[in-house]
C-alpha atoms as a PDB file:
ATOM      1  CA  UNK A   1      71.804  95.464  83.857  1.00  0.00           C
ATOM      2  CA  UNK A   2      75.482  94.608  83.796  1.00  0.00           C
ATOM      3  CA  UNK A   3      78.274  96.223  85.798  1.00  0.00           C
ATOM      4  CA  UNK A   4      81.838  96.397  84.577  1.00  0.00           C
ATOM      5  CA  UNK A   5      83.644  96.443  87.893  1.00  0.00           C
ATOM      6  CA  UNK A   6      87.325  95.942  88.589  1.00  0.00           C
ATOM      7  CA  UNK A   7      88.519  92.599  89.910  1.00  0.00           C
ATOM      8  CA  UNK A   8      89.707  94.405  93.046  1.00  0.00           C
ATOM      9  CA  UNK A   9      86.105  95.462  93.684  1.00  0.00           C
ATOM     10  CA  UNK A  10      85.062  91.816  93.730  1.00  0.00           C
ATOM     11  CA  UNK A  11      87.852  90.914  96.151  1.00  0.00           C
ATOM     12  CA  UNK A  12      86.964  93.783  98.452  1.00  0.00           C
ATOM     13  CA  UNK A  13      83.274  92.834  98.291  1.00  0.00           C
ATOM     14  CA  UNK A  14      84.083  89.308  99.458  1.00  0.00           C
ATOM     15  CA  UNK A  15      86.363  90.648 102.203  1.00  0.00           C
ATOM     16  CA  UNK A  16      83.655  93.014 103.467  1.00  0.00           C
ATOM     17  CA  UNK A  17      81.055  90.239 103.503  1.00  0.00           C
ATOM     18  CA  UNK A  18      83.455  87.870 105.272  1.00  0.00           C
ATOM     19  CA  UNK A  19      84.347  90.428 107.916  1.00  0.00           C
ATOM     20  CA  UNK A  20      80.711  91.366 108.492  1.00  0.00           C
ATOM     21  CA  UNK A  21      79.558  87.743 108.742  1.00  0.00           C
ATOM     22  CA  UNK A  22      82.237  86.963 111.351  1.00  0.00           C
ATOM     23  CA  UNK A  23      80.653  89.346 113.830  1.00  0.00           C
ATOM     24  CA  UNK A  24      76.977  89.339 112.855  1.00  0.00           C
ATOM     25  CA  UNK A  25      74.233  86.784 112.441  1.00  0.00           C
ATOM     26  CA  UNK A  26      72.423  87.384 109.162  1.00  0.00           C
ATOM     27  CA  UNK A  27      69.095  85.681 108.409  1.00  0.00           C
ATOM     28  CA  UNK A  28      68.958  83.916 105.058  1.00  0.00           C
ATOM     29  CA  UNK A  29      66.458  86.417 103.655  1.00  0.00           C
ATOM     30  CA  UNK A  30      68.914  89.290 104.303  1.00  0.00           C
ATOM     31  CA  UNK A  31      71.976  87.789 102.575  1.00  0.00           C
ATOM     32  CA  UNK A  32      71.239  89.485  99.259  1.00  0.00           C
ATOM     33  CA  UNK A  33      71.033  92.876 100.972  1.00  0.00           C
ATOM     34  CA  UNK A  34      74.369  92.208 102.702  1.00  0.00           C
ATOM     35  CA  UNK A  35      75.986  91.272  99.389  1.00  0.00           C
ATOM     36  CA  UNK A  36      74.644  94.242  97.460  1.00  0.00           C
ATOM     37  CA  UNK A  37      75.588  96.612 100.278  1.00  0.00           C
ATOM     38  CA  UNK A  38      79.120  95.205 100.409  1.00  0.00           C
ATOM     39  CA  UNK A  39      79.442  95.624  96.637  1.00  0.00           C
ATOM     40  CA  UNK A  40      78.187  99.207  96.889  1.00  0.00           C
ATOM     41  CA  UNK A  41      80.775 100.034  99.567  1.00  0.00           C
ATOM     42  CA  UNK A  42      83.591  98.240  97.713  1.00  0.00           C
ATOM     43  CA  UNK A  43      82.793 100.065  94.485  1.00  0.00           C
ATOM     44  CA  UNK A  44      83.037 103.388  96.312  1.00  0.00           C
ATOM     45  CA  UNK A  45      86.587 102.473  97.342  1.00  0.00           C
ATOM     46  CA  UNK A  46      87.859 100.835  94.167  1.00  0.00           C
ATOM     47  CA  UNK A  47      86.032 102.272  91.162  1.00  0.00           C
ATOM     48  CA  UNK A  48      86.821 105.584  89.523  1.00  0.00           C
ATOM     49  CA  UNK A  49      83.194 105.845  88.397  1.00  0.00           C
ATOM     50  CA  UNK A  50      81.150 103.653  90.755  1.00  0.00           C
ATOM     51  CA  UNK A  51      77.570 102.757  89.849  1.00  0.00           C
ATOM     52  CA  UNK A  52      74.900 104.843  91.544  1.00  0.00           C
ATOM     53  CA  UNK A  53      73.025 103.590  94.580  1.00  0.00           C
ATOM     54  CA  UNK A  54      69.855 103.277  92.518  1.00  0.00           C
ATOM     55  CA  UNK A  55      71.569 100.758  90.238  1.00  0.00           C
ATOM     56  CA  UNK A  56      72.538  98.600  93.210  1.00  0.00           C
ATOM     57  CA  UNK A  57      69.039  98.935  94.637  1.00  0.00           C
ATOM     58  CA  UNK A  58      67.653  97.724  91.307  1.00  0.00           C
ATOM     59  CA  UNK A  59      69.851  94.616  91.092  1.00  0.00           C
ATOM     60  CA  UNK A  60      69.273  93.849  94.762  1.00  0.00           C
ATOM     61  CA  UNK A  61      65.520  94.355  94.437  1.00  0.00           C
ATOM     62  CA  UNK A  62      65.513  96.741  97.411  1.00  0.00           C
ATOM     63  CA  UNK A  63      64.767 100.420  97.793  1.00  0.00           C
ATOM     64  CA  UNK A  64      67.605 102.927  97.610  1.00  0.00           C
ATOM     65  CA  UNK A  65      66.742 104.141 101.117  1.00  0.00           C
ATOM     66  CA  UNK A  66      67.019 100.589 102.484  1.00  0.00           C
ATOM     67  CA  UNK A  67      70.376 100.107 100.765  1.00  0.00           C
ATOM     68  CA  UNK A  68      71.652 103.469 102.005  1.00  0.00           C
ATOM     69  CA  UNK A  69      70.583 102.599 105.557  1.00  0.00           C
ATOM     70  CA  UNK A  70      72.325  99.218 105.327  1.00  0.00           C
ATOM     71  CA  UNK A  71      75.514 100.891 104.069  1.00  0.00           C
ATOM     72  CA  UNK A  72      75.439 103.325 106.987  1.00  0.00           C
ATOM     73  CA  UNK A  73      75.052 100.425 109.428  1.00  0.00           C
ATOM     74  CA  UNK A  74      78.063  98.691 107.834  1.00  0.00           C
ATOM     75  CA  UNK A  75      80.176 101.818 108.239  1.00  0.00           C
ATOM     76  CA  UNK A  76      79.059 102.389 111.823  1.00  0.00           C
ATOM     77  CA  UNK A  77      79.804  98.764 112.678  1.00  0.00           C
ATOM     78  CA  UNK A  78      83.259  99.044 111.127  1.00  0.00           C
ATOM     79  CA  UNK A  79      84.026 102.146 113.173  1.00  0.00           C
ATOM     80  CA  UNK A  80      82.929 100.464 116.396  1.00  0.00           C
ATOM     81  CA  UNK A  81      84.985  97.362 115.565  1.00  0.00           C
ATOM     82  CA  UNK A  82      88.108  99.362 114.741  1.00  0.00           C
ATOM     83  CA  UNK A  83      87.709 101.460 117.899  1.00  0.00           C
ATOM     84  CA  UNK A  84      87.422  98.270 119.960  1.00  0.00           C
ATOM     85  CA  UNK A  85      90.618  96.871 118.430  1.00  0.00           C
ATOM     86  CA  UNK A  86      92.534 100.071 119.122  1.00  0.00           C
ATOM     87  CA  UNK A  87      91.674 100.015 122.829  1.00  0.00           C
END
């Protein structure tokens, strides 16, 4: 499977991973899930027609439910972080 994603999607993916890794310890076995989740979120922002969650689950060798849960945790963490910066 090959994705044709915009270059901006790649940049945003790296930025999301970098930001997440600054505040969270991630065990080595979870790094692939973090990367795939960041790419899923970035594609939702940047792509006109983003790949479906099942495609990301396939390339990340994880279940779609696991990937969806990880994406929700990313978003919740981002909201908490942005609320803490605003205070």
